């Protein structure tokens, strides 16, 4: 079996490597694709109706693997582009941030604590309640009243 694989590789390996390189433009990627293609096609060698068509199956597998490789790259790049894009379409206003921070400092301690834990620390209501050692309903109330007060401050300044 190993001898047969060595014969097939010697016979079809260079052509498959050339095809993979021409498809990808990258030598190491081409070598990886050819190796994977040989593993896949040789694993099914017994199932081939015509063992003489090994070369055709190998070429088709190299092309399919190259297509999968580029599809995966497109998906990865799109994901990275989305992650790199800011979540807002404007630059943050440092003065506004400082003003909100000043208003936050004017809130009663418990309201400020609840808002900071919920939104700055991104804790759930239950986790916030645990940290504050109070019921979840108290956290909801503190956050609601604190946000209402901040809203009224922001709208009265505008």
Protein backbone atom coordinates (compact mmCIF):
# COMPACT_ATOMS: atom_id res chain seq x y z
CA UNK A 1 0.00 0.00 0.00
CA UNK A 2 2.79 2.45 0.94
CA UNK A 3 4.66 1.55 -2.23
CA UNK A 4 1.56 2.30 -4.31
CA UNK A 5 1.14 5.67 -2.59
CA UNK A 6 4.80 6.51 -3.28
CA UNK A 7 4.32 5.59 -6.95
CA UNK A 8 1.19 7.73 -7.24
CA UNK A 9 2.91 10.64 -5.52
CA UNK A 10 5.97 10.40 -7.77
CA UNK A 11 3.73 10.25 -10.83
CA UNK A 12 1.13 12.92 -9.94
CA UNK A 13 2.70 15.01 -7.15
CA UNK A 14 4.62 17.53 -9.29
CA UNK A 15 1.62 18.24 -11.50
CA UNK A 16 -0.67 18.63 -8.50
CA UNK A 17 1.84 20.94 -6.82
CA UNK A 18 2.13 23.06 -9.97
CA UNK A 19 -1.67 23.30 -10.21
CA UNK A 20 -1.99 24.23 -6.54
CA UNK A 21 0.73 26.86 -6.85
CA UNK A 22 -0.88 28.38 -9.91
CA UNK A 23 -4.21 28.51 -8.07
CA UNK A 24 -2.88 29.97 -4.81
CA UNK A 25 0.32 31.78 -5.74
CA UNK A 26 1.87 30.56 -2.50
CA UNK A 27 4.28 27.66 -2.35
CA UNK A 28 3.62 26.54 1.23
CA UNK A 29 -0.15 26.77 0.79
CA UNK A 30 0.17 24.77 -2.43
CA UNK A 31 2.19 22.07 -0.67
CA UNK A 32 -0.39 21.87 2.12
CA UNK A 33 -3.23 21.58 -0.41
CA UNK A 34 -1.46 18.81 -2.34
CA UNK A 35 -0.75 16.87 0.82
CA UNK A 36 -4.38 17.17 1.92
CA UNK A 37 -5.59 16.22 -1.57
CA UNK A 38 -3.41 13.09 -1.62
CA UNK A 39 -4.68 12.05 1.80
CA UNK A 40 -8.29 12.49 0.73
CA UNK A 41 -8.05 10.84 -2.68
CA UNK A 42 -5.79 7.99 -1.60
CA UNK A 43 -8.11 7.30 1.33
CA UNK A 44 -10.81 6.60 -1.24
CA UNK A 45 -8.51 4.87 -3.72
CA UNK A 46 -10.20 1.51 -3.17
CA UNK A 47 -13.59 3.07 -3.92
CA UNK A 48 -12.50 4.46 -7.30
CA UNK A 49 -14.25 2.63 -10.12
CA UNK A 50 -11.30 3.31 -12.39
CA UNK A 51 -7.95 3.60 -10.56
CA UNK A 52 -6.61 5.19 -13.73
CA UNK A 53 -8.74 8.26 -12.99
CA UNK A 54 -6.74 8.99 -9.83
CA UNK A 55 -5.12 12.00 -11.52
CA UNK A 56 -8.51 13.51 -12.40
CA UNK A 57 -9.80 13.03 -8.84
CA UNK A 58 -6.60 14.49 -7.45
CA UNK A 59 -6.84 17.59 -9.64
CA UNK A 60 -10.52 18.08 -8.77
CA UNK A 61 -9.67 17.74 -5.08
CA UNK A 62 -6.83 20.29 -5.35
CA UNK A 63 -9.18 22.77 -7.03
CA UNK A 64 -11.89 22.19 -4.40
CA UNK A 65 -9.40 22.61 -1.56
CA UNK A 66 -8.06 25.83 -3.11
CA UNK A 67 -11.60 27.17 -3.41
CA UNK A 68 -12.27 26.28 0.22
CA UNK A 69 -9.02 27.95 1.23
CA UNK A 70 -9.96 31.23 -0.47
CA UNK A 71 -13.53 31.09 0.83
CA UNK A 72 -12.18 30.67 4.37
CA UNK A 73 -9.79 33.61 3.83
CA UNK A 74 -12.65 35.83 2.58
CA UNK A 75 -14.72 34.93 5.63
CA UNK A 76 -11.82 35.60 8.00
CA UNK A 77 -11.04 38.95 6.37
CA UNK A 78 -14.68 40.03 6.46
CA UNK A 79 -14.85 39.10 10.13
CA UNK A 80 -11.67 41.03 10.92
CA UNK A 81 -12.92 44.05 8.95
CA UNK A 82 -16.18 44.04 10.92
CA UNK A 83 -14.27 43.81 14.20
CA UNK A 84 -11.95 46.63 13.21
CA UNK A 85 -14.79 49.00 12.32
CA UNK A 86 -15.82 51.28 15.14
CA UNK A 87 -19.26 50.66 16.59
CA UNK A 88 -20.17 54.27 15.96
CA UNK A 89 -19.93 56.41 12.87
CA UNK A 90 -18.55 59.49 14.63
CA UNK A 91 -15.51 60.25 16.69
CA UNK A 92 -16.20 60.30 20.41
CA UNK A 93 -16.63 63.74 21.84
CA UNK A 94 -14.17 63.98 24.70
CA UNK A 95 -15.84 67.07 26.12
CA UNK A 96 -19.22 65.30 26.16
CA UNK A 97 -17.64 62.27 27.81
CA UNK A 98 -16.13 64.46 30.49
CA UNK A 99 -19.47 66.21 31.03
CA UNK A 100 -21.27 62.88 31.42
CA UNK A 101 -18.58 61.75 33.85
CA UNK A 102 -19.09 64.96 35.86
CA UNK A 103 -22.86 64.35 35.92
CA UNK A 104 -22.29 60.74 36.95
CA UNK A 105 -20.18 61.95 39.88
CA UNK A 106 -23.12 64.09 41.05
CA UNK A 107 -25.44 61.09 41.35
CA UNK A 108 -26.04 59.59 44.78
CA UNK A 109 -23.39 56.96 45.60
CA UNK A 110 -25.69 53.92 45.25
CA UNK A 111 -27.11 55.06 41.88
CA UNK A 112 -23.62 55.81 40.58
CA UNK A 113 -22.40 52.44 41.85
CA UNK A 114 -25.25 50.57 40.13
CA UNK A 115 -24.75 52.40 36.82
CA UNK A 116 -20.98 51.92 36.83
CA UNK A 117 -21.28 48.21 37.60
CA UNK A 118 -24.01 47.65 35.01
CA UNK A 119 -22.68 49.71 32.10
CA UNK A 120 -18.99 50.41 32.65
CA UNK A 121 -18.17 47.01 34.12
CA UNK A 122 -20.83 45.32 31.93
CA UNK A 123 -22.18 43.17 34.76
CA UNK A 124 -25.62 41.58 34.62
CA UNK A 125 -28.31 42.79 36.99
CA UNK A 126 -27.82 39.67 39.09
CA UNK A 127 -24.04 40.13 39.27
CA UNK A 128 -24.47 43.81 40.11
CA UNK A 129 -26.90 42.90 42.89
CA UNK A 130 -24.40 40.38 44.23
CA UNK A 131 -21.57 42.93 44.25
CA UNK A 132 -23.80 45.57 45.84
CA UNK A 133 -25.26 43.01 48.26
CA UNK A 134 -28.83 43.97 47.53
CA UNK A 135 -31.83 42.47 45.68
CA UNK A 136 -31.99 42.57 41.87
CA UNK A 137 -35.08 44.77 42.09
CA UNK A 138 -33.05 47.38 43.99
CA UNK A 139 -30.42 47.37 41.24
CA UNK A 140 -33.13 47.86 38.60
CA UNK A 141 -34.59 50.74 40.57
CA UNK A 142 -31.24 52.41 41.21
CA UNK A 143 -30.23 52.15 37.57
CA UNK A 144 -33.60 53.43 36.37
CA UNK A 145 -33.58 56.43 38.69
CA UNK A 146 -29.94 57.21 37.96
CA UNK A 147 -30.44 57.08 34.19
CA UNK A 148 -33.56 59.23 34.47
CA UNK A 149 -31.59 61.82 36.42
CA UNK A 150 -28.75 61.74 33.88
CA UNK A 151 -31.26 62.13 31.02
CA UNK A 152 -32.86 65.11 32.69
CA UNK A 153 -29.42 66.70 33.22
CA UNK A 154 -28.45 66.13 29.59
CA UNK A 155 -31.72 67.52 28.19
CA UNK A 156 -31.68 70.54 30.53
CA UNK A 157 -28.13 71.41 29.40
CA UNK A 158 -29.05 71.15 25.71
